[in-house]
Amino acid sequence: IFAPYGPVALLSALFILVALLTNVLSNNATAILFTPIAVGAANQMGADPILFALTVLFAANTSFATPIGYQTNLLVMGPGHYKFADYIKAGAPLVIIMWIVFTIYAAFHFGF
């Protein structure tokens, strides 16, 4: 869907998709699931597959928005008296900031 808009749009869409799913799945499972998809998309576009694999790598580690995204989040939930909504309030803006910064960085650094 995003390929006609260029590699930056595809990288950005891939990043936010992986970032959203890594908050529900584990970061390892998300990375294993999306790396072949990202490399295949890069090959179809004629882009560097390493950049797409790095996109998955960075996005899979943005599991800030839920306590189930990463085991340490769940581990501190009880002793810290955190609620599920606390993770969303603090983590969702952080995921969005990471998405925007990565998109801008990829666009300028890799010359798209």
PDB file of N, CA and C in Angstrom:
ATOM      1  N   ILE A   1       0.823  -1.197   0.000  1.00  0.00           N
ATOM      2  CA  ILE A   1       0.000   0.000   0.000  1.00  0.00           C
ATOM      3  C   ILE A   1       0.867   1.263   0.000  1.00  0.00           C
ATOM      4  N   PHE A   2       1.972   1.244   0.750  1.00  0.00           N
ATOM      5  CA  PHE A   2       2.788   2.440   0.896  1.00  0.00           C
ATOM      6  C   PHE A   2       3.948   2.508  -0.090  1.00  0.00           C
ATOM      7  N   ALA A   3       4.186   1.481  -0.861  1.00  0.00           N
ATOM      8  CA  ALA A   3       5.308   1.456  -1.800  1.00  0.00           C
ATOM      9  C   ALA A   3       5.251   2.580  -2.840  1.00  0.00           C
ATOM     10  N   PRO A   4       4.081   2.942  -3.386  1.00  0.00           N
ATOM     11  CA  PRO A   4       4.069   4.022  -4.373  1.00  0.00           C
ATOM     12  C   PRO A   4       4.503   5.384  -3.812  1.00  0.00           C
ATOM     13  N   TYR A   5       4.462   5.535  -2.505  1.00  0.00           N
ATOM     14  CA  TYR A   5       4.830   6.812  -1.892  1.00  0.00           C
ATOM     15  C   TYR A   5       6.315   6.909  -1.582  1.00  0.00           C
ATOM     16  N   GLY A   6       7.063   5.870  -1.874  1.00  0.00           N
ATOM     17  CA  GLY A   6       8.500   5.895  -1.687  1.00  0.00           C
ATOM     18  C   GLY A   6       8.955   5.127  -0.466  1.00  0.00           C
ATOM     19  N   PRO A   7      10.272   4.972  -0.345  1.00  0.00           N
ATOM     20  CA  PRO A   7      10.808   4.163   0.748  1.00  0.00           C
ATOM     21  C   PRO A   7      10.606   4.773   2.129  1.00  0.00           C
ATOM     22  N   VAL A   8      10.573   6.100   2.231  1.00  0.00           N
ATOM     23  CA  VAL A   8      10.386   6.720   3.547  1.00  0.00           C
ATOM     24  C   VAL A   8       8.990   6.423   4.079  1.00  0.00           C
ATOM     25  N   ALA A   9       7.993   6.508   3.233  1.00  0.00           N
ATOM     26  CA  ALA A   9       6.628   6.199   3.664  1.00  0.00           C
ATOM     27  C   ALA A   9       6.504   4.732   4.047  1.00  0.00           C
ATOM     28  N   LEU A  10       7.168   3.865   3.306  1.00  0.00           N
ATOM     29  CA  LEU A  10       7.123   2.438   3.634  1.00  0.00           C
ATOM     30  C   LEU A  10       7.857   2.150   4.941  1.00  0.00           C
ATOM     31  N   LEU A  11       9.010   2.781   5.136  1.00  0.00           N
ATOM     32  CA  LEU A  11       9.735   2.622   6.399  1.00  0.00           C
ATOM     33  C   LEU A  11       8.908   3.128   7.574  1.00  0.00           C
ATOM     34  N   SER A  12       8.272   4.268   7.390  1.00  0.00           N
ATOM     35  CA  SER A  12       7.462   4.857   8.450  1.00  0.00           C
ATOM     36  C   SER A  12       6.273   3.964   8.794  1.00  0.00           C
ATOM     37  N   ALA A  13       5.596   3.463   7.787  1.00  0.00           N
ATOM     38  CA  ALA A  13       4.451   2.575   8.016  1.00  0.00           C
ATOM     39  C   ALA A  13       4.892   1.267   8.659  1.00  0.00           C
ATOM     40  N   LEU A  14       6.024   0.741   8.214  1.00  0.00           N
ATOM     41  CA  LEU A  14       6.552  -0.483   8.808  1.00  0.00           C
ATOM     42  C   LEU A  14       6.914  -0.253  10.270  1.00  0.00           C
ATOM     43  N   PHE A  15       7.527   0.881  10.566  1.00  0.00           N
ATOM     44  CA  PHE A  15       7.922   1.179  11.938  1.00  0.00           C
ATOM     45  C   PHE A  15       6.705   1.237  12.856  1.00  0.00           C
ATOM     46  N   ILE A  16       5.671   1.986  12.462  1.00  0.00           N
ATOM     47  CA  ILE A  16       4.522   2.143  13.354  1.00  0.00           C
ATOM     48  C   ILE A  16       3.754   0.826  13.490  1.00  0.00           C
ATOM     49  N   LEU A  17       3.697   0.030  12.431  1.00  0.00           N
ATOM     50  CA  LEU A  17       3.024  -1.263  12.517  1.00  0.00           C
ATOM     51  C   LEU A  17       3.746  -2.192  13.492  1.00  0.00           C
ATOM     52  N   VAL A  18       5.047  -2.284  13.367  1.00  0.00           N
ATOM     53  CA  VAL A  18       5.833  -3.133  14.265  1.00  0.00           C
ATOM     54  C   VAL A  18       5.779  -2.588  15.686  1.00  0.00           C
ATOM     55  N   ALA A  19       5.849  -1.265  15.836  1.00  0.00           N
ATOM     56  CA  ALA A  19       5.808  -0.650  17.170  1.00  0.00           C
ATOM     57  C   ALA A  19       4.473  -0.922  17.860  1.00  0.00           C
ATOM     58  N   LEU A  20       3.393  -0.910  17.119  1.00  0.00           N
ATOM     59  CA  LEU A  20       2.092  -1.206  17.721  1.00  0.00           C
ATOM     60  C   LEU A  20       1.978  -2.681  18.110  1.00  0.00           C
ATOM     61  N   LEU A  21       2.454  -3.553  17.246  1.00  0.00           N
ATOM     62  CA  LEU A  21       2.338  -4.981  17.541  1.00  0.00           C
ATOM     63  C   LEU A  21       3.295  -5.447  18.629  1.00  0.00           C
ATOM     64  N   THR A  22       4.421  -4.776  18.795  1.00  0.00           N
ATOM     65  CA  THR A  22       5.366  -5.196  19.827  1.00  0.00           C
ATOM     66  C   THR A  22       4.848  -4.885  21.224  1.00  0.00           C
ATOM     67  N   ASN A  23       3.815  -4.068  21.317  1.00  0.00           N
ATOM     68  CA  ASN A  23       3.198  -3.798  22.603  1.00  0.00           C
ATOM     69  C   ASN A  23       2.194  -4.875  22.994  1.00  0.00           C
ATOM     70  N   VAL A  24       1.886  -5.764  22.070  1.00  0.00           N
ATOM     71  CA  VAL A  24       0.973  -6.869  22.342  1.00  0.00           C
ATOM     72  C   VAL A  24       1.734  -8.199  22.333  1.00  0.00           C
ATOM     73  N   LEU A  25       2.629  -8.349  21.375  1.00  0.00           N
ATOM     74  CA  LEU A  25       3.484  -9.536  21.294  1.00  0.00           C
ATOM     75  C   LEU A  25       4.814  -9.222  21.977  1.00  0.00           C
ATOM     76  N   SER A  26       5.653 -10.200  22.102  1.00  0.00           N
ATOM     77  CA  SER A  26       6.995  -9.922  22.619  1.00  0.00           C
ATOM     78  C   SER A  26       7.825  -9.276  21.511  1.00  0.00           C
ATOM     79  N   ASN A  27       8.865  -8.565  21.900  1.00  0.00           N
ATOM     80  CA  ASN A  27       9.693  -7.907  20.895  1.00  0.00           C
ATOM     81  C   ASN A  27      10.441  -8.934  20.038  1.00  0.00           C
ATOM     82  N   ASN A  28      10.809 -10.067  20.610  1.00  0.00           N
ATOM     83  CA  ASN A  28      11.481 -11.112  19.834  1.00  0.00           C
ATOM     84  C   ASN A  28      10.555 -11.706  18.772  1.00  0.00           C
ATOM     85  N   ALA A  29       9.335 -11.997  19.164  1.00  0.00           N
ATOM     86  CA  ALA A  29       8.377 -12.566  18.213  1.00  0.00           C
ATOM     87  C   ALA A  29       8.053 -11.577  17.097  1.00  0.00           C
ATOM     88  N   THR A  30       7.919 -10.322  17.444  1.00  0.00           N
ATOM     89  CA  THR A  30       7.619  -9.310  16.436  1.00  0.00           C
ATOM     90  C   THR A  30       8.779  -9.163  15.457  1.00  0.00           C
ATOM     91  N   ALA A  31      10.001  -9.159  15.960  1.00  0.00           N
ATOM     92  CA  ALA A  31      11.171  -9.038  15.090  1.00  0.00           C
ATOM     93  C   ALA A  31      11.303 -10.241  14.164  1.00  0.00           C
ATOM     94  N   ILE A  32      11.082 -11.429  14.705  1.00  0.00           N
ATOM     95  CA  ILE A  32      11.183 -12.639  13.885  1.00  0.00           C
ATOM     96  C   ILE A  32      10.088 -12.667  12.822  1.00  0.00           C
ATOM     97  N   LEU A  33       8.917 -12.192  13.166  1.00  0.00           N
ATOM     98  CA  LEU A  33       7.800 -12.180  12.242  1.00  0.00           C
ATOM     99  C   LEU A  33       7.980 -11.168  11.114  1.00  0.00           C
ATOM    100  N   PHE A  34       8.481  -9.976  11.431  1.00  0.00           N
ATOM    101  CA  PHE A  34       8.498  -8.894  10.453  1.00  0.00           C
ATOM    102  C   PHE A  34       9.807  -8.717   9.694  1.00  0.00           C
ATOM    103  N   THR A  35      10.895  -9.316  10.137  1.00  0.00           N
ATOM    104  CA  THR A  35      12.148  -9.149   9.405  1.00  0.00           C
ATOM    105  C   THR A  35      12.079  -9.709   7.985  1.00  0.00           C
ATOM    106  N   PRO A  36      11.563 -10.918   7.767  1.00  0.00           N
ATOM    107  CA  PRO A  36      11.454 -11.394   6.380  1.00  0.00           C
ATOM    108  C   PRO A  36      10.507 -10.549   5.528  1.00  0.00           C
ATOM    109  N   ILE A  37       9.461 -10.044   6.135  1.00  0.00           N
ATOM    110  CA  ILE A  37       8.529  -9.181   5.400  1.00  0.00           C
ATOM    111  C   ILE A  37       9.225  -7.894   4.988  1.00  0.00           C
ATOM    112  N   ALA A  38       9.990  -7.311   5.902  1.00  0.00           N
ATOM    113  CA  ALA A  38      10.694  -6.054   5.620  1.00  0.00           C
ATOM    114  C   ALA A  38      11.760  -6.251   4.548  1.00  0.00           C
ATOM    115  N   VAL A  39      12.511  -7.333   4.639  1.00  0.00           N
ATOM    116  CA  VAL A  39      13.555  -7.594   3.643  1.00  0.00           C
ATOM    117  C   VAL A  39      12.924  -7.848   2.271  1.00  0.00           C
ATOM    118  N   GLY A  40      11.827  -8.567   2.239  1.00  0.00           N
ATOM    119  CA  GLY A  40      11.126  -8.792   0.979  1.00  0.00           C
ATOM    120  C   GLY A  40      10.596  -7.505   0.370  1.00  0.00           C
ATOM    121  N   ALA A  41      10.055  -6.620   1.210  1.00  0.00           N
ATOM    122  CA  ALA A  41       9.564  -5.326   0.711  1.00  0.00           C
ATOM    123  C   ALA A  41      10.711  -4.484   0.176  1.00  0.00           C
ATOM    124  N   ALA A  42      11.850  -4.520   0.855  1.00  0.00           N
ATOM    125  CA  ALA A  42      13.015  -3.765   0.392  1.00  0.00           C
ATOM    126  C   ALA A  42      13.508  -4.288  -0.949  1.00  0.00           C
ATOM    127  N   ASN A  43      13.552  -5.591  -1.091  1.00  0.00           N
ATOM    128  CA  ASN A  43      13.988  -6.172  -2.363  1.00  0.00           C
ATOM    129  C   ASN A  43      13.042  -5.826  -3.500  1.00  0.00           C
ATOM    130  N   GLN A  44      11.745  -5.802  -3.233  1.00  0.00           N
ATOM    131  CA  GLN A  44      10.779  -5.437  -4.274  1.00  0.00           C
ATOM    132  C   GLN A  44      10.903  -3.975  -4.679  1.00  0.00           C
ATOM    133  N   MET A  45      11.283  -3.116  -3.729  1.00  0.00           N
ATOM    134  CA  MET A  45      11.441  -1.694  -4.042  1.00  0.00           C
ATOM    135  C   MET A  45      12.817  -1.370  -4.595  1.00  0.00           C
ATOM    136  N   GLY A  46      13.746  -2.297  -4.486  1.00  0.00           N
ATOM    137  CA  GLY A  46      15.113  -2.030  -4.909  1.00  0.00           C
ATOM    138  C   GLY A  46      15.868  -1.190  -3.888  1.00  0.00           C
ATOM    139  N   ALA A  47      15.436  -1.228  -2.639  1.00  0.00           N
ATOM    140  CA  ALA A  47      16.073  -0.466  -1.567  1.00  0.00           C
ATOM    141  C   ALA A  47      17.008  -1.385  -0.778  1.00  0.00           C
ATOM    142  N   ASP A  48      17.752  -0.770   0.128  1.00  0.00           N
ATOM    143  CA  ASP A  48      18.702  -1.515   0.948  1.00  0.00           C
ATOM    144  C   ASP A  48      17.954  -2.333   2.003  1.00  0.00           C
ATOM    145  N   PRO A  49      18.060  -3.654   1.979  1.00  0.00           N
ATOM    146  CA  PRO A  49      17.337  -4.466   2.959  1.00  0.00           C
ATOM    147  C   PRO A  49      17.850  -4.276   4.388  1.00  0.00           C
ATOM    148  N   ILE A  50      19.089  -3.858   4.544  1.00  0.00           N
ATOM    149  CA  ILE A  50      19.622  -3.636   5.893  1.00  0.00           C
ATOM    150  C   ILE A  50      18.866  -2.512   6.583  1.00  0.00           C
ATOM    151  N   LEU A  51      18.533  -1.463   5.853  1.00  0.00           N
ATOM    152  CA  LEU A  51      17.777  -0.353   6.430  1.00  0.00           C
ATOM    153  C   LEU A  51      16.392  -0.813   6.891  1.00  0.00           C
ATOM    154  N   PHE A  52      15.767  -1.673   6.127  1.00  0.00           N
ATOM    155  CA  PHE A  52      14.450  -2.177   6.503  1.00  0.00           C
ATOM    156  C   PHE A  52      14.539  -3.122   7.694  1.00  0.00           C
ATOM    157  N   ALA A  53      15.603  -3.913   7.744  1.00  0.00           N
ATOM    158  CA  ALA A  53      15.813  -4.786   8.904  1.00  0.00           C
ATOM    159  C   ALA A  53      16.086  -3.954  10.157  1.00  0.00           C
ATOM    160  N   LEU A  54      16.830  -2.861  10.006  1.00  0.00           N
ATOM    161  CA  LEU A  54      17.076  -1.970  11.141  1.00  0.00           C
ATOM    162  C   LEU A  54      15.797  -1.292  11.609  1.00  0.00           C
ATOM    163  N   THR A  55      14.914  -1.002  10.683  1.00  0.00           N
ATOM    164  CA  THR A  55      13.622  -0.428  11.048  1.00  0.00           C
ATOM    165  C   THR A  55      12.857  -1.386  11.946  1.00  0.00           C
ATOM    166  N   VAL A  56      12.840  -2.650  11.586  1.00  0.00           N
ATOM    167  CA  VAL A  56      12.174  -3.657  12.411  1.00  0.00           C
ATOM    168  C   VAL A  56      12.868  -3.763  13.764  1.00  0.00           C
ATOM    169  N   LEU A  57      14.193  -3.732  13.760  1.00  0.00           N
ATOM    170  CA  LEU A  57      14.952  -3.851  14.998  1.00  0.00           C
ATOM    171  C   LEU A  57      14.603  -2.725  15.973  1.00  0.00           C
ATOM    172  N   PHE A  58      14.608  -1.494  15.486  1.00  0.00           N
ATOM    173  CA  PHE A  58      14.314  -0.368  16.365  1.00  0.00           C
ATOM    174  C   PHE A  58      12.850  -0.352  16.794  1.00  0.00           C
ATOM    175  N   ALA A  59      11.950  -0.641  15.877  1.00  0.00           N
ATOM    176  CA  ALA A  59      10.522  -0.595  16.194  1.00  0.00           C
ATOM    177  C   ALA A  59      10.123  -1.722  17.149  1.00  0.00           C
ATOM    178  N   ALA A  60      10.762  -2.859  17.025  1.00  0.00           N
ATOM    179  CA  ALA A  60      10.414  -3.988  17.897  1.00  0.00           C
ATOM    180  C   ALA A  60      10.809  -3.735  19.344  1.00  0.00           C
ATOM    181  N   ASN A  61      11.624  -2.737  19.567  1.00  0.00           N
ATOM    182  CA  ASN A  61      12.060  -2.434  20.929  1.00  0.00           C
ATOM    183  C   ASN A  61      11.366  -1.212  21.509  1.00  0.00           C
ATOM    184  N   THR A  62      10.235  -0.842  20.951  1.00  0.00           N
ATOM    185  CA  THR A  62       9.457   0.280  21.482  1.00  0.00           C
ATOM    186  C   THR A  62       8.219  -0.235  22.207  1.00  0.00           C
ATOM    187  N   SER A  63       8.418  -1.131  23.121  1.00  0.00           N
ATOM    188  CA  SER A  63       7.301  -1.734  23.849  1.00  0.00           C
ATOM    189  C   SER A  63       7.058  -0.994  25.162  1.00  0.00           C
ATOM    190  N   PHE A  64       6.706   0.275  25.034  1.00  0.00           N
ATOM    191  CA  PHE A  64       6.516   1.116  26.212  1.00  0.00           C
ATOM    192  C   PHE A  64       5.053   1.299  26.593  1.00  0.00           C
ATOM    193  N   ALA A  65       4.132   1.024  25.678  1.00  0.00           N
ATOM    194  CA  ALA A  65       2.748   1.446  25.856  1.00  0.00           C
ATOM    195  C   ALA A  65       1.854   0.449  26.587  1.00  0.00           C
ATOM    196  N   THR A  66       2.342  -0.737  26.857  1.00  0.00           N
ATOM    197  CA  THR A  66       1.539  -1.713  27.604  1.00  0.00           C
ATOM    198  C   THR A  66       2.439  -2.479  28.563  1.00  0.00           C
ATOM    199  N   PRO A  67       1.874  -2.995  29.636  1.00  0.00           N
ATOM    200  CA  PRO A  67       2.685  -3.801  30.543  1.00  0.00           C
ATOM    201  C   PRO A  67       2.985  -5.191  29.982  1.00  0.00           C
ATOM    202  N   ILE A  68       2.227  -5.637  29.001  1.00  0.00           N
ATOM    203  CA  ILE A  68       2.459  -6.970  28.450  1.00  0.00           C
ATOM    204  C   ILE A  68       3.469  -6.962  27.312  1.00  0.00           C
ATOM    205  N   GLY A  69       3.923  -5.787  26.899  1.00  0.00           N
ATOM    206  CA  GLY A  69       4.868  -5.698  25.801  1.00  0.00           C
ATOM    207  C   GLY A  69       6.256  -6.190  26.150  1.00  0.00           C
ATOM    208  N   TYR A  70       6.645  -6.038  27.393  1.00  0.00           N
ATOM    209  CA  TYR A  70       7.976  -6.479  27.816  1.00  0.00           C
ATOM    210  C   TYR A  70       7.891  -6.957  29.255  1.00  0.00           C
ATOM    211  N   GLN A  71       8.645  -7.972  29.583  1.00  0.00           N
ATOM    212  CA  GLN A  71       8.503  -8.606  30.888  1.00  0.00           C
ATOM    213  C   GLN A  71       8.830  -7.671  32.048  1.00  0.00           C
ATOM    214  N   THR A  72       9.744  -6.755  31.882  1.00  0.00           N
ATOM    215  CA  THR A  72      10.073  -5.827  32.963  1.00  0.00           C
ATOM    216  C   THR A  72       8.914  -4.873  33.236  1.00  0.00           C
ATOM    217  N   ASN A  73       8.193  -4.481  32.201  1.00  0.00           N
ATOM    218  CA  ASN A  73       7.015  -3.628  32.402  1.00  0.00           C
ATOM    219  C   ASN A  73       6.010  -4.329  33.313  1.00  0.00           C
ATOM    220  N   LEU A  74       5.799  -5.591  33.061  1.00  0.00           N
ATOM    221  CA  LEU A  74       4.852  -6.363  33.863  1.00  0.00           C
ATOM    222  C   LEU A  74       5.393  -6.618  35.268  1.00  0.00           C
ATOM    223  N   LEU A  75       6.697  -6.767  35.369  1.00  0.00           N
ATOM    224  CA  LEU A  75       7.323  -7.030  36.657  1.00  0.00           C
ATOM    225  C   LEU A  75       7.178  -5.862  37.626  1.00  0.00           C
ATOM    226  N   VAL A  76       7.259  -4.634  37.139  1.00  0.00           N
ATOM    227  CA  VAL A  76       7.167  -3.461  38.018  1.00  0.00           C
ATOM    228  C   VAL A  76       5.740  -2.959  38.187  1.00  0.00           C
ATOM    229  N   MET A  77       4.797  -3.536  37.473  1.00  0.00           N
ATOM    230  CA  MET A  77       3.414  -3.068  37.538  1.00  0.00           C
ATOM    231  C   MET A  77       2.823  -3.228  38.931  1.00  0.00           C
ATOM    232  N   GLY A  78       2.989  -4.377  39.543  1.00  0.00           N
ATOM    233  CA  GLY A  78       2.437  -4.627  40.879  1.00  0.00           C
ATOM    234  C   GLY A  78       3.099  -3.808  41.964  1.00  0.00           C
ATOM    235  N   PRO A  79       4.432  -3.920  42.121  1.00  0.00           N
ATOM    236  CA  PRO A  79       5.087  -3.155  43.186  1.00  0.00           C
ATOM    237  C   PRO A  79       4.975  -1.645  43.021  1.00  0.00           C
ATOM    238  N   GLY A  80       4.872  -1.169  41.781  1.00  0.00           N
ATOM    239  CA  GLY A  80       4.757   0.267  41.548  1.00  0.00           C
ATOM    240  C   GLY A  80       3.330   0.776  41.615  1.00  0.00           C
ATOM    241  N   HIS A  81       2.377  -0.138  41.795  1.00  0.00           N
ATOM    242  CA  HIS A  81       0.948   0.202  41.830  1.00  0.00           C
ATOM    243  C   HIS A  81       0.514   0.928  40.557  1.00  0.00           C
ATOM    244  N   TYR A  82       1.065   0.481  39.432  1.00  0.00           N
ATOM    245  CA  TYR A  82       0.697   1.056  38.143  1.00  0.00           C
ATOM    246  C   TYR A  82      -0.566   0.382  37.623  1.00  0.00           C
ATOM    247  N   LYS A  83      -1.296   1.104  36.815  1.00  0.00           N
ATOM    248  CA  LYS A  83      -2.459   0.568  36.121  1.00  0.00           C
ATOM    249  C   LYS A  83      -2.116   0.452  34.640  1.00  0.00           C
ATOM    250  N   PHE A  84      -2.917  -0.301  33.933  1.00  0.00           N
ATOM    251  CA  PHE A  84      -2.708  -0.460  32.499  1.00  0.00           C
ATOM    252  C   PHE A  84      -2.727   0.897  31.808  1.00  0.00           C
ATOM    253  N   ALA A  85      -3.627   1.761  32.231  1.00  0.00           N
ATOM    254  CA  ALA A  85      -3.748   3.091  31.620  1.00  0.00           C
ATOM    255  C   ALA A  85      -2.506   3.944  31.844  1.00  0.00           C
ATOM    256  N   ASP A  86      -1.780   3.708  32.934  1.00  0.00           N
ATOM    257  CA  ASP A  86      -0.549   4.463  33.185  1.00  0.00           C
ATOM    258  C   ASP A  86       0.488   4.190  32.099  1.00  0.00           C
ATOM    259  N   TYR A  87       0.562   2.956  31.675  1.00  0.00           N
ATOM    260  CA  TYR A  87       1.503   2.609  30.612  1.00  0.00           C
ATOM    261  C   TYR A  87       1.107   3.274  29.303  1.00  0.00           C
ATOM    262  N   ILE A  88      -0.181   3.309  29.020  1.00  0.00           N
ATOM    263  CA  ILE A  88      -0.644   3.941  27.784  1.00  0.00           C
ATOM    264  C   ILE A  88      -0.376   5.441  27.816  1.00  0.00           C
ATOM    265  N   LYS A  89      -0.661   6.080  28.946  1.00  0.00           N
ATOM    266  CA  LYS A  89      -0.444   7.524  29.062  1.00  0.00           C
ATOM    267  C   LYS A  89       1.024   7.912  28.893  1.00  0.00           C
ATOM    268  N   ALA A  90       1.916   7.121  29.460  1.00  0.00           N
ATOM    269  CA  ALA A  90       3.336   7.451  29.380  1.00  0.00           C
ATOM    270  C   ALA A  90       3.998   6.857  28.143  1.00  0.00           C
ATOM    271  N   GLY A  91       3.567   5.676  27.731  1.00  0.00           N
ATOM    272  CA  GLY A  91       4.249   4.970  26.660  1.00  0.00           C
ATOM    273  C   GLY A  91       3.814   5.345  25.261  1.00  0.00           C
ATOM    274  N   ALA A  92       2.536   5.607  25.056  1.00  0.00           N
ATOM    275  CA  ALA A  92       2.050   5.927  23.706  1.00  0.00           C
ATOM    276  C   ALA A  92       2.704   7.189  23.139  1.00  0.00           C
ATOM    277  N   PRO A  93       2.806   8.280  23.913  1.00  0.00           N
ATOM    278  CA  PRO A  93       3.523   9.443  23.360  1.00  0.00           C
ATOM    279  C   PRO A  93       4.989   9.145  23.051  1.00  0.00           C
ATOM    280  N   LEU A  94       5.611   8.305  23.857  1.00  0.00           N
ATOM    281  CA  LEU A  94       7.002   7.942  23.605  1.00  0.00           C
ATOM    282  C   LEU A  94       7.145   7.136  22.318  1.00  0.00           C
ATOM    283  N   VAL A  95       6.216   6.229  22.066  1.00  0.00           N
ATOM    284  CA  VAL A  95       6.229   5.461  20.821  1.00  0.00           C
ATOM    285  C   VAL A  95       6.039   6.400  19.632  1.00  0.00           C
ATOM    286  N   ILE A  96       5.138   7.350  19.745  1.00  0.00           N
ATOM    287  CA  ILE A  96       4.897   8.298  18.649  1.00  0.00           C
ATOM    288  C   ILE A  96       6.126   9.173  18.403  1.00  0.00           C
ATOM    289  N   ILE A  97       6.771   9.612  19.471  1.00  0.00           N
ATOM    290  CA  ILE A  97       7.994  10.414  19.322  1.00  0.00           C
ATOM    291  C   ILE A  97       9.080   9.595  18.636  1.00  0.00           C
ATOM    292  N   MET A  98       9.251   8.362  19.051  1.00  0.00           N
ATOM    293  CA  MET A  98      10.264   7.497  18.425  1.00  0.00           C
ATOM    294  C   MET A  98       9.952   7.286  16.936  1.00  0.00           C
ATOM    295  N   TRP A  99       8.689   7.113  16.610  1.00  0.00           N
ATOM    296  CA  TRP A  99       8.274   6.920  15.224  1.00  0.00           C
ATOM    297  C   TRP A  99       8.612   8.142  14.382  1.00  0.00           C
ATOM    298  N   ILE A 100       8.271   9.317  14.869  1.00  0.00           N
ATOM    299  CA  ILE A 100       8.528  10.555  14.123  1.00  0.00           C
ATOM    300  C   ILE A 100      10.027  10.795  13.974  1.00  0.00           C
ATOM    301  N   VAL A 101      10.762  10.634  15.052  1.00  0.00           N
ATOM    302  CA  VAL A 101      12.215  10.857  15.001  1.00  0.00           C
ATOM    303  C   VAL A 101      12.880   9.859  14.053  1.00  0.00           C
ATOM    304  N   PHE A 102      12.486   8.596  14.104  1.00  0.00           N
ATOM    305  CA  PHE A 102      13.072   7.610  13.208  1.00  0.00           C
ATOM    306  C   PHE A 102      12.757   7.943  11.758  1.00  0.00           C
ATOM    307  N   THR A 103      11.535   8.343  11.473  1.00  0.00           N
ATOM    308  CA  THR A 103      11.153   8.671  10.101  1.00  0.00           C
ATOM    309  C   THR A 103      11.967   9.842   9.574  1.00  0.00           C
ATOM    310  N   ILE A 104      12.113  10.880  10.382  1.00  0.00           N
ATOM    311  CA  ILE A 104      12.895  12.051   9.957  1.00  0.00           C
ATOM    312  C   ILE A 104      14.360  11.675   9.793  1.00  0.00           C
ATOM    313  N   TYR A 105      14.893  10.924  10.750  1.00  0.00           N
ATOM    314  CA  TYR A 105      16.296  10.516  10.679  1.00  0.00           C
ATOM    315  C   TYR A 105      16.562   9.669   9.444  1.00  0.00           C
ATOM    316  N   ALA A 106      15.703   8.712   9.180  1.00  0.00           N
ATOM    317  CA  ALA A 106      15.893   7.839   8.012  1.00  0.00           C
ATOM    318  C   ALA A 106      15.814   8.640   6.723  1.00  0.00           C
ATOM    319  N   ALA A 107      14.902   9.601   6.657  1.00  0.00           N
ATOM    320  CA  ALA A 107      14.742  10.399   5.455  1.00  0.00           C
ATOM    321  C   ALA A 107      16.000  11.228   5.163  1.00  0.00           C
ATOM    322  N   PHE A 108      16.575  11.830   6.178  1.00  0.00           N
ATOM    323  CA  PHE A 108      17.733  12.688   5.964  1.00  0.00           C
ATOM    324  C   PHE A 108      19.044  11.907   5.924  1.00  0.00           C
ATOM    325  N   HIS A 109      19.209  10.962   6.809  1.00  0.00           N
ATOM    326  CA  HIS A 109      20.481  10.256   6.891  1.00  0.00           C
ATOM    327  C   HIS A 109      20.742   9.340   5.696  1.00  0.00           C
ATOM    328  N   PHE A 110      19.711   8.699   5.209  1.00  0.00           N
ATOM    329  CA  PHE A 110      19.889   7.758   4.119  1.00  0.00           C
ATOM    330  C   PHE A 110      19.563   8.362   2.765  1.00  0.00           C
ATOM    331  N   GLY A 111      19.338   9.659   2.704  1.00  0.00           N
ATOM    332  CA  GLY A 111      19.217  10.379   1.454  1.00  0.00           C
ATOM    333  C   GLY A 111      17.975  10.093   0.630  1.00  0.00           C
ATOM    334  N   PHE A 112      16.858   9.876   1.296  1.00  0.00           N
ATOM    335  CA  PHE A 112      15.618   9.635   0.548  1.00  0.00           C
ATOM    336  C   PHE A 112      14.946  10.933   0.230  1.00  0.00           C
TER     337      PHE A 112
END
